[in-house]
């Protein structure tokens, strides 16, 4: 019988970077100078609204979803953002450029995701003959659509989308549902994700093997303006003065990897 691997989606399969950090880079590339701390409340607001809008978003693809989130972020920043951010957005709005900027951020974010998903697809092809696979993700009710959009749906026997189920990580129920759907047991299952708090800690408490995808620090430069071939080369490069970091605690994981490609040779399962 095959062993089982569960994956997080955002920050893991789509591109190895937390969505907040990615949005910061794309805002800057669009001419909106903003820090992670300044964008964080707007990002959290848009995420909450997205989770409450499952019926609206359930038929959306990735571009429509990201556009929805970006417009909510910008609206929040325009009213509640730091003064210097509001000033920049007010000037863009006065010049009728705000829709153009929002569209640019959306398109560059999606283009970056497309690269990450293509890389993940190559790995999934390799793993699919050896493992049963599923996804456990805090998402917006349209993850099935996005997997189909990027030709990934056939790899996964279970897709636990939190907004569809009404259960969000780190609640154990969302992991248990995926395991049950796949006909697996915790002892033969690994959870792969970029968050120790939401992926590894709850999965480990259920008896799963945990594999943490550690995000290497990135310079806070204009990653979105790089040619496609340069995006991967920037991952893991030495950091500049300001670093974009994901939130993590000191919670343990059984294994730590720096790229998903390491899964091909990682012997995580128990004999």
C-alpha atoms as a PDB file:
ATOM      1  CA  UNK A   1       0.000   0.000   0.000  1.00  0.00           C
ATOM      2  CA  UNK A   2       1.245   3.477  -0.874  1.00  0.00           C
ATOM      3  CA  UNK A   3       2.144   5.997   1.782  1.00  0.00           C
ATOM      4  CA  UNK A   4       0.334   9.315   1.758  1.00  0.00           C
ATOM      5  CA  UNK A   5       1.462  12.928   1.439  1.00  0.00           C
ATOM      6  CA  UNK A   6      -0.689  15.938   2.267  1.00  0.00           C
ATOM      7  CA  UNK A   7       0.346  19.352   0.965  1.00  0.00           C
ATOM      8  CA  UNK A   8      -0.495  22.887   1.938  1.00  0.00           C
ATOM      9  CA  UNK A   9      -1.260  25.018  -1.128  1.00  0.00           C
ATOM     10  CA  UNK A  10      -0.495  28.737  -0.696  1.00  0.00           C
ATOM     11  CA  UNK A  11       3.180  29.299   0.024  1.00  0.00           C
ATOM     12  CA  UNK A  12       3.949  25.637  -0.656  1.00  0.00           C
ATOM     13  CA  UNK A  13       2.692  24.306  -3.992  1.00  0.00           C
ATOM     14  CA  UNK A  14       1.927  27.588  -5.730  1.00  0.00           C
ATOM     15  CA  UNK A  15       5.187  29.377  -4.946  1.00  0.00           C
ATOM     16  CA  UNK A  16       7.620  28.970  -2.042  1.00  0.00           C
ATOM     17  CA  UNK A  17       6.799  32.233  -0.277  1.00  0.00           C
ATOM     18  CA  UNK A  18       4.056  33.429   2.054  1.00  0.00           C
ATOM     19  CA  UNK A  19       1.379  35.346   0.124  1.00  0.00           C
ATOM     20  CA  UNK A  20       1.845  38.436   2.299  1.00  0.00           C
ATOM     21  CA  UNK A  21       5.542  38.594   1.464  1.00  0.00           C
ATOM     22  CA  UNK A  22       4.806  38.088  -2.214  1.00  0.00           C
ATOM     23  CA  UNK A  23       2.233  40.876  -2.251  1.00  0.00           C
ATOM     24  CA  UNK A  24       4.728  43.271  -0.642  1.00  0.00           C
ATOM     25  CA  UNK A  25       7.166  42.656  -3.480  1.00  0.00           C
ATOM     26  CA  UNK A  26       4.526  43.173  -6.175  1.00  0.00           C
ATOM     27  CA  UNK A  27       3.192  46.345  -4.564  1.00  0.00           C
ATOM     28  CA  UNK A  28       6.708  47.773  -4.554  1.00  0.00           C
ATOM     29  CA  UNK A  29       7.260  46.778  -8.152  1.00  0.00           C
ATOM     30  CA  UNK A  30       4.049  48.629  -8.998  1.00  0.00           C
ATOM     31  CA  UNK A  31       5.402  51.794  -7.362  1.00  0.00           C
ATOM     32  CA  UNK A  32       3.658  51.491  -3.979  1.00  0.00           C
ATOM     33  CA  UNK A  33       6.388  51.658  -1.339  1.00  0.00           C
ATOM     34  CA  UNK A  34       5.094  49.596   1.550  1.00  0.00           C
ATOM     35  CA  UNK A  35       6.515  47.437   4.314  1.00  0.00           C
ATOM     36  CA  UNK A  36       5.320  44.033   5.443  1.00  0.00           C
ATOM     37  CA  UNK A  37       4.007  45.538   8.686  1.00  0.00           C
ATOM     38  CA  UNK A  38       2.074  48.213   6.758  1.00  0.00           C
ATOM     39  CA  UNK A  39       0.461  45.715   4.376  1.00  0.00           C
ATOM     40  CA  UNK A  40      -0.267  43.083   7.018  1.00  0.00           C
ATOM     41  CA  UNK A  41      -3.582  44.548   8.341  1.00  0.00           C
ATOM     42  CA  UNK A  42      -4.905  45.032   4.797  1.00  0.00           C
ATOM     43  CA  UNK A  43      -3.821  41.525   3.856  1.00  0.00           C
ATOM     44  CA  UNK A  44      -5.560  40.085   6.944  1.00  0.00           C
ATOM     45  CA  UNK A  45      -8.715  42.094   6.216  1.00  0.00           C
ATOM     46  CA  UNK A  46      -8.888  40.881   2.617  1.00  0.00           C
ATOM     47  CA  UNK A  47      -8.247  37.295   3.708  1.00  0.00           C
ATOM     48  CA  UNK A  48     -11.079  37.426   6.257  1.00  0.00           C
ATOM     49  CA  UNK A  49     -13.446  38.900   3.680  1.00  0.00           C
ATOM     50  CA  UNK A  50     -12.424  36.213   1.218  1.00  0.00           C
ATOM     51  CA  UNK A  51     -13.212  33.467   3.717  1.00  0.00           C
ATOM     52  CA  UNK A  52     -16.663  35.029   4.175  1.00  0.00           C
ATOM     53  CA  UNK A  53     -17.272  35.225   0.415  1.00  0.00           C
ATOM     54  CA  UNK A  54     -17.155  31.554  -0.513  1.00  0.00           C
ATOM     55  CA  UNK A  55     -20.365  31.710  -2.543  1.00  0.00           C
ATOM     56  CA  UNK A  56     -19.037  34.644  -4.569  1.00  0.00           C
ATOM     57  CA  UNK A  57     -15.565  33.155  -5.080  1.00  0.00           C
ATOM     58  CA  UNK A  58     -16.452  29.494  -5.570  1.00  0.00           C
ATOM     59  CA  UNK A  59     -16.493  29.760  -9.357  1.00  0.00           C
ATOM     60  CA  UNK A  60     -13.380  31.972  -9.612  1.00  0.00           C
ATOM     61  CA  UNK A  61     -10.021  31.096 -11.051  1.00  0.00           C
ATOM     62  CA  UNK A  62      -6.729  32.371  -9.667  1.00  0.00           C
ATOM     63  CA  UNK A  63      -6.742  35.727 -11.473  1.00  0.00           C
ATOM     64  CA  UNK A  64     -10.260  36.572 -10.300  1.00  0.00           C
ATOM     65  CA  UNK A  65      -9.413  35.556  -6.745  1.00  0.00           C
ATOM     66  CA  UNK A  66      -6.226  37.605  -6.572  1.00  0.00           C
ATOM     67  CA  UNK A  67      -7.980  40.598  -8.157  1.00  0.00           C
ATOM     68  CA  UNK A  68     -10.683  40.361  -5.461  1.00  0.00           C
ATOM     69  CA  UNK A  69      -8.063  40.294  -2.699  1.00  0.00           C
ATOM     70  CA  UNK A  70      -5.929  43.098  -4.136  1.00  0.00           C
ATOM     71  CA  UNK A  71      -8.885  45.449  -4.501  1.00  0.00           C
ATOM     72  CA  UNK A  72      -9.899  44.790  -0.897  1.00  0.00           C
ATOM     73  CA  UNK A  73      -6.328  45.401   0.253  1.00  0.00           C
ATOM     74  CA  UNK A  74      -6.068  48.680  -1.626  1.00  0.00           C
ATOM     75  CA  UNK A  75      -9.452  49.879  -0.359  1.00  0.00           C
ATOM     76  CA  UNK A  76      -8.374  49.110   3.212  1.00  0.00           C
ATOM     77  CA  UNK A  77      -5.030  50.867   2.751  1.00  0.00           C
ATOM     78  CA  UNK A  78      -6.744  53.903   1.224  1.00  0.00           C
ATOM     79  CA  UNK A  79      -8.794  54.357   4.382  1.00  0.00           C
ATOM     80  CA  UNK A  80      -6.671  52.879   7.159  1.00  0.00           C
ATOM     81  CA  UNK A  81      -3.135  52.616   5.827  1.00  0.00           C
ATOM     82  CA  UNK A  82      -0.047  54.469   6.989  1.00  0.00           C
ATOM     83  CA  UNK A  83      -0.121  58.173   5.995  1.00  0.00           C
ATOM     84  CA  UNK A  84       2.611  57.804   3.396  1.00  0.00           C
ATOM     85  CA  UNK A  85       0.844  54.825   1.817  1.00  0.00           C
ATOM     86  CA  UNK A  86      -2.485  56.679   1.738  1.00  0.00           C
ATOM     87  CA  UNK A  87      -0.771  59.654   0.129  1.00  0.00           C
ATOM     88  CA  UNK A  88       0.638  57.463  -2.643  1.00  0.00           C
ATOM     89  CA  UNK A  89      -2.712  55.793  -3.247  1.00  0.00           C
ATOM     90  CA  UNK A  90      -4.557  59.124  -3.215  1.00  0.00           C
ATOM     91  CA  UNK A  91      -2.190  60.454  -5.868  1.00  0.00           C
ATOM     92  CA  UNK A  92      -2.699  57.340  -7.982  1.00  0.00           C
ATOM     93  CA  UNK A  93      -6.453  57.628  -7.582  1.00  0.00           C
ATOM     94  CA  UNK A  94      -6.415  61.299  -8.577  1.00  0.00           C
ATOM     95  CA  UNK A  95      -4.504  60.382 -11.705  1.00  0.00           C
ATOM     96  CA  UNK A  96      -6.978  57.597 -12.501  1.00  0.00           C
ATOM     97  CA  UNK A  97      -4.168  55.046 -12.178  1.00  0.00           C
ATOM     98  CA  UNK A  98      -5.375  53.018  -9.221  1.00  0.00           C
ATOM     99  CA  UNK A  99      -7.272  50.391 -11.292  1.00  0.00           C
ATOM    100  CA  UNK A 100      -4.208  50.033 -13.511  1.00  0.00           C
ATOM    101  CA  UNK A 101      -1.941  49.521 -10.488  1.00  0.00           C
ATOM    102  CA  UNK A 102      -4.325  46.969  -8.954  1.00  0.00           C
ATOM    103  CA  UNK A 103      -4.448  45.095 -12.241  1.00  0.00           C
ATOM    104  CA  UNK A 104      -0.664  45.108 -12.534  1.00  0.00           C
ATOM    105  CA  UNK A 105      -0.234  43.702  -9.033  1.00  0.00           C
ATOM    106  CA  UNK A 106      -2.775  40.974  -9.784  1.00  0.00           C
ATOM    107  CA  UNK A 107      -1.239  39.981 -13.096  1.00  0.00           C
ATOM    108  CA  UNK A 108       2.336  39.894 -11.823  1.00  0.00           C
ATOM    109  CA  UNK A 109       1.299  37.868  -8.756  1.00  0.00           C
ATOM    110  CA  UNK A 110      -0.529  35.350 -10.946  1.00  0.00           C
ATOM    111  CA  UNK A 111       2.381  35.125 -13.389  1.00  0.00           C
ATOM    112  CA  UNK A 112       4.689  34.297 -10.495  1.00  0.00           C
ATOM    113  CA  UNK A 113       2.221  31.674  -9.233  1.00  0.00           C
ATOM    114  CA  UNK A 114       2.089  30.144 -12.694  1.00  0.00           C
ATOM    115  CA  UNK A 115       5.844  29.559 -12.561  1.00  0.00           C
ATOM    116  CA  UNK A 116       5.655  27.981  -9.120  1.00  0.00           C
ATOM    117  CA  UNK A 117       2.752  25.714 -10.057  1.00  0.00           C
ATOM    118  CA  UNK A 118       4.548  24.546 -13.176  1.00  0.00           C
ATOM    119  CA  UNK A 119       7.562  23.576 -11.070  1.00  0.00           C
ATOM    120  CA  UNK A 120       5.326  21.778  -8.573  1.00  0.00           C
ATOM    121  CA  UNK A 121       3.596  19.883 -11.371  1.00  0.00           C
ATOM    122  CA  UNK A 122       6.905  18.406 -12.494  1.00  0.00           C
ATOM    123  CA  UNK A 123       7.537  17.156  -8.960  1.00  0.00           C
ATOM    124  CA  UNK A 124       4.002  15.819  -8.555  1.00  0.00           C
ATOM    125  CA  UNK A 125       4.389  13.752 -11.707  1.00  0.00           C
ATOM    126  CA  UNK A 126       7.390  12.075 -10.092  1.00  0.00           C
ATOM    127  CA  UNK A 127       5.699  11.541  -6.726  1.00  0.00           C
ATOM    128  CA  UNK A 128       2.341  10.363  -8.048  1.00  0.00           C
ATOM    129  CA  UNK A 129       3.554   6.861  -8.787  1.00  0.00           C
ATOM    130  CA  UNK A 130       4.824   6.401  -5.239  1.00  0.00           C
ATOM    131  CA  UNK A 131       2.324   8.171  -2.984  1.00  0.00           C
ATOM    132  CA  UNK A 132      -1.337   8.918  -2.507  1.00  0.00           C
ATOM    133  CA  UNK A 133      -1.597  12.709  -2.344  1.00  0.00           C
ATOM    134  CA  UNK A 134      -3.990  15.299  -0.988  1.00  0.00           C
ATOM    135  CA  UNK A 135      -4.175  19.007  -0.153  1.00  0.00           C
ATOM    136  CA  UNK A 136      -5.122  20.601   3.166  1.00  0.00           C
ATOM    137  CA  UNK A 137      -5.410  24.358   2.728  1.00  0.00           C
ATOM    138  CA  UNK A 138      -6.946  27.421   4.317  1.00  0.00           C
ATOM    139  CA  UNK A 139      -8.477  28.683   1.096  1.00  0.00           C
ATOM    140  CA  UNK A 140     -11.489  30.476  -0.363  1.00  0.00           C
ATOM    141  CA  UNK A 141     -13.777  27.712  -1.649  1.00  0.00           C
ATOM    142  CA  UNK A 142     -12.350  27.651  -5.181  1.00  0.00           C
ATOM    143  CA  UNK A 143      -9.227  25.540  -4.779  1.00  0.00           C
ATOM    144  CA  UNK A 144     -10.689  22.793  -6.985  1.00  0.00           C
ATOM    145  CA  UNK A 145     -11.062  25.375  -9.774  1.00  0.00           C
ATOM    146  CA  UNK A 146      -7.467  26.513  -9.463  1.00  0.00           C
ATOM    147  CA  UNK A 147      -6.106  22.974  -9.468  1.00  0.00           C
ATOM    148  CA  UNK A 148      -8.084  22.268 -12.649  1.00  0.00           C
ATOM    149  CA  UNK A 149      -6.960  25.573 -14.175  1.00  0.00           C
ATOM    150  CA  UNK A 150      -3.309  24.577 -13.791  1.00  0.00           C
ATOM    151  CA  UNK A 151      -3.781  20.889 -14.677  1.00  0.00           C
ATOM    152  CA  UNK A 152      -3.064  19.650 -11.148  1.00  0.00           C
ATOM    153  CA  UNK A 153      -6.398  18.155 -10.087  1.00  0.00           C
ATOM    154  CA  UNK A 154      -5.621  14.596 -11.206  1.00  0.00           C
ATOM    155  CA  UNK A 155      -2.753  14.279  -8.716  1.00  0.00           C
ATOM    156  CA  UNK A 156      -4.911  14.639  -5.602  1.00  0.00           C
ATOM    157  CA  UNK A 157      -7.386  12.163  -4.195  1.00  0.00           C
ATOM    158  CA  UNK A 158      -8.505  14.642  -1.528  1.00  0.00           C
ATOM    159  CA  UNK A 159      -8.740  18.434  -1.540  1.00  0.00           C
ATOM    160  CA  UNK A 160      -9.645  19.872   1.869  1.00  0.00           C
ATOM    161  CA  UNK A 161     -10.512  23.523   1.169  1.00  0.00           C
ATOM    162  CA  UNK A 162     -11.268  25.178   4.510  1.00  0.00           C
ATOM    163  CA  UNK A 163     -13.959  27.530   3.209  1.00  0.00           C
ATOM    164  CA  UNK A 164     -15.856  24.670   1.626  1.00  0.00           C
ATOM    165  CA  UNK A 165     -15.626  22.549   4.761  1.00  0.00           C
ATOM    166  CA  UNK A 166     -16.036  25.266   7.371  1.00  0.00           C
ATOM    167  CA  UNK A 167     -12.941  23.962   9.171  1.00  0.00           C
ATOM    168  CA  UNK A 168      -9.700  25.934   9.178  1.00  0.00           C
ATOM    169  CA  UNK A 169      -6.154  24.906  10.030  1.00  0.00           C
ATOM    170  CA  UNK A 170      -4.878  24.389  12.681  1.00  0.00           C
ATOM    171  CA  UNK A 171      -8.124  22.598  13.629  1.00  0.00           C
ATOM    172  CA  UNK A 172      -7.457  18.840  13.506  1.00  0.00           C
ATOM    173  CA  UNK A 173     -10.713  18.037  11.727  1.00  0.00           C
ATOM    174  CA  UNK A 174      -9.513  19.325   8.367  1.00  0.00           C
ATOM    175  CA  UNK A 175      -6.510  16.984   8.448  1.00  0.00           C
ATOM    176  CA  UNK A 176      -8.627  14.042   9.571  1.00  0.00           C
ATOM    177  CA  UNK A 177     -11.098  14.563   6.717  1.00  0.00           C
ATOM    178  CA  UNK A 178      -8.322  14.469   4.118  1.00  0.00           C
ATOM    179  CA  UNK A 179      -6.782  11.358   5.644  1.00  0.00           C
ATOM    180  CA  UNK A 180     -10.164   9.595   5.754  1.00  0.00           C
ATOM    181  CA  UNK A 181     -10.967  10.529   2.153  1.00  0.00           C
ATOM    182  CA  UNK A 182      -7.678   9.009   1.011  1.00  0.00           C
ATOM    183  CA  UNK A 183      -8.260   5.838   3.018  1.00  0.00           C
ATOM    184  CA  UNK A 184      -5.022   6.461   4.895  1.00  0.00           C
ATOM    185  CA  UNK A 185      -3.902   6.446   8.520  1.00  0.00           C
ATOM    186  CA  UNK A 186      -1.903   9.145  10.329  1.00  0.00           C
ATOM    187  CA  UNK A 187       1.040   6.793  10.810  1.00  0.00           C
ATOM    188  CA  UNK A 188       1.507   6.411   7.051  1.00  0.00           C
ATOM    189  CA  UNK A 189       0.897  10.080   6.210  1.00  0.00           C
ATOM    190  CA  UNK A 190       3.162  13.114   5.973  1.00  0.00           C
ATOM    191  CA  UNK A 191       2.104  16.771   6.002  1.00  0.00           C
ATOM    192  CA  UNK A 192       4.176  19.181   3.915  1.00  0.00           C
ATOM    193  CA  UNK A 193       3.705  22.896   4.521  1.00  0.00           C
ATOM    194  CA  UNK A 194       5.413  26.223   5.024  1.00  0.00           C
ATOM    195  CA  UNK A 195       3.803  27.065   8.378  1.00  0.00           C
ATOM    196  CA  UNK A 196       4.945  25.397  11.565  1.00  0.00           C
ATOM    197  CA  UNK A 197       1.911  26.729  13.436  1.00  0.00           C
ATOM    198  CA  UNK A 198      -0.810  25.823  10.938  1.00  0.00           C
ATOM    199  CA  UNK A 199       0.678  22.799   9.188  1.00  0.00           C
ATOM    200  CA  UNK A 200       3.306  21.007  11.238  1.00  0.00           C
ATOM    201  CA  UNK A 201       2.199  21.427  14.849  1.00  0.00           C
ATOM    202  CA  UNK A 202      -1.417  20.248  14.399  1.00  0.00           C
ATOM    203  CA  UNK A 203      -0.429  17.460  12.007  1.00  0.00           C
ATOM    204  CA  UNK A 204       2.224  16.179  14.374  1.00  0.00           C
ATOM    205  CA  UNK A 205      -0.262  16.144  17.255  1.00  0.00           C
ATOM    206  CA  UNK A 206      -2.386  13.750  15.178  1.00  0.00           C
ATOM    207  CA  UNK A 207       0.519  11.387  14.578  1.00  0.00           C
ATOM    208  CA  UNK A 208       1.489  12.508  11.074  1.00  0.00           C
ATOM    209  CA  UNK A 209       5.087  12.921   9.993  1.00  0.00           C
ATOM    210  CA  UNK A 210       5.711  16.637   9.464  1.00  0.00           C
ATOM    211  CA  UNK A 211       7.855  18.200   6.751  1.00  0.00           C
ATOM    212  CA  UNK A 212       8.426  21.934   7.017  1.00  0.00           C
ATOM    213  CA  UNK A 213       9.176  23.838   3.808  1.00  0.00           C
ATOM    214  CA  UNK A 214      11.474  26.517   5.184  1.00  0.00           C
ATOM    215  CA  UNK A 215      11.380  29.745   3.220  1.00  0.00           C
ATOM    216  CA  UNK A 216      14.830  31.159   2.675  1.00  0.00           C
ATOM    217  CA  UNK A 217      15.076  34.928   3.205  1.00  0.00           C
ATOM    218  CA  UNK A 218      14.605  37.084   0.119  1.00  0.00           C
ATOM    219  CA  UNK A 219      15.777  40.617  -0.521  1.00  0.00           C
ATOM    220  CA  UNK A 220      12.899  43.062  -0.520  1.00  0.00           C
ATOM    221  CA  UNK A 221      13.606  43.976  -4.130  1.00  0.00           C
ATOM    222  CA  UNK A 222      11.421  44.041  -7.196  1.00  0.00           C
ATOM    223  CA  UNK A 223      11.208  40.319  -7.750  1.00  0.00           C
ATOM    224  CA  UNK A 224       8.126  40.712  -9.902  1.00  0.00           C
ATOM    225  CA  UNK A 225      10.067  42.670 -12.528  1.00  0.00           C
ATOM    226  CA  UNK A 226      12.614  39.923 -13.116  1.00  0.00           C
ATOM    227  CA  UNK A 227      12.428  37.754 -16.236  1.00  0.00           C
ATOM    228  CA  UNK A 228      10.803  34.382 -15.620  1.00  0.00           C
ATOM    229  CA  UNK A 229      14.109  32.532 -15.780  1.00  0.00           C
ATOM    230  CA  UNK A 230      15.554  34.678 -13.007  1.00  0.00           C
ATOM    231  CA  UNK A 231      12.801  34.056 -10.467  1.00  0.00           C
ATOM    232  CA  UNK A 232      14.072  30.671  -9.382  1.00  0.00           C
ATOM    233  CA  UNK A 233      17.649  31.889  -9.280  1.00  0.00           C
ATOM    234  CA  UNK A 234      16.712  34.527  -6.706  1.00  0.00           C
ATOM    235  CA  UNK A 235      15.379  31.944  -4.246  1.00  0.00           C
ATOM    236  CA  UNK A 236      17.871  31.403  -1.472  1.00  0.00           C
ATOM    237  CA  UNK A 237      20.154  34.270  -2.430  1.00  0.00           C
ATOM    238  CA  UNK A 238      21.778  36.251   0.419  1.00  0.00           C
ATOM    239  CA  UNK A 239      19.430  38.803   1.891  1.00  0.00           C
ATOM    240  CA  UNK A 240      19.780  42.541   1.633  1.00  0.00           C
ATOM    241  CA  UNK A 241      19.204  45.114   4.339  1.00  0.00           C
ATOM    242  CA  UNK A 242      15.494  44.392   4.646  1.00  0.00           C
ATOM    243  CA  UNK A 243      14.239  40.808   4.740  1.00  0.00           C
ATOM    244  CA  UNK A 244      10.774  39.460   4.046  1.00  0.00           C
ATOM    245  CA  UNK A 245      10.143  36.696   6.553  1.00  0.00           C
ATOM    246  CA  UNK A 246       7.208  34.404   7.256  1.00  0.00           C
ATOM    247  CA  UNK A 247       5.751  34.126  10.758  1.00  0.00           C
ATOM    248  CA  UNK A 248       6.948  31.026  12.558  1.00  0.00           C
ATOM    249  CA  UNK A 249       7.169  29.767  16.094  1.00  0.00           C
ATOM    250  CA  UNK A 250       9.660  27.388  17.666  1.00  0.00           C
ATOM    251  CA  UNK A 251       7.332  24.406  17.164  1.00  0.00           C
ATOM    252  CA  UNK A 252       9.200  21.368  15.839  1.00  0.00           C
ATOM    253  CA  UNK A 253       8.882  19.463  12.575  1.00  0.00           C
ATOM    254  CA  UNK A 254      10.203  15.996  11.856  1.00  0.00           C
ATOM    255  CA  UNK A 255      12.002  17.118   8.695  1.00  0.00           C
ATOM    256  CA  UNK A 256      12.977  20.488   7.246  1.00  0.00           C
ATOM    257  CA  UNK A 257      13.411  21.072   3.516  1.00  0.00           C
ATOM    258  CA  UNK A 258      14.390  24.196   1.604  1.00  0.00           C
ATOM    259  CA  UNK A 259      12.796  23.184  -1.715  1.00  0.00           C
ATOM    260  CA  UNK A 260       9.936  20.869  -2.595  1.00  0.00           C
ATOM    261  CA  UNK A 261      12.276  19.034  -4.952  1.00  0.00           C
ATOM    262  CA  UNK A 262      13.940  17.486  -1.892  1.00  0.00           C
ATOM    263  CA  UNK A 263      10.820  15.372  -1.368  1.00  0.00           C
ATOM    264  CA  UNK A 264      11.840  13.176  -4.284  1.00  0.00           C
ATOM    265  CA  UNK A 265      14.731  11.753  -2.261  1.00  0.00           C
ATOM    266  CA  UNK A 266      13.534  12.260   1.321  1.00  0.00           C
ATOM    267  CA  UNK A 267      12.724   8.988   3.075  1.00  0.00           C
ATOM    268  CA  UNK A 268      10.169  10.184   5.592  1.00  0.00           C
ATOM    269  CA  UNK A 269       7.933   7.139   5.967  1.00  0.00           C
ATOM    270  CA  UNK A 270       8.142   4.633   8.753  1.00  0.00           C
ATOM    271  CA  UNK A 271       9.091   1.049   7.938  1.00  0.00           C
END
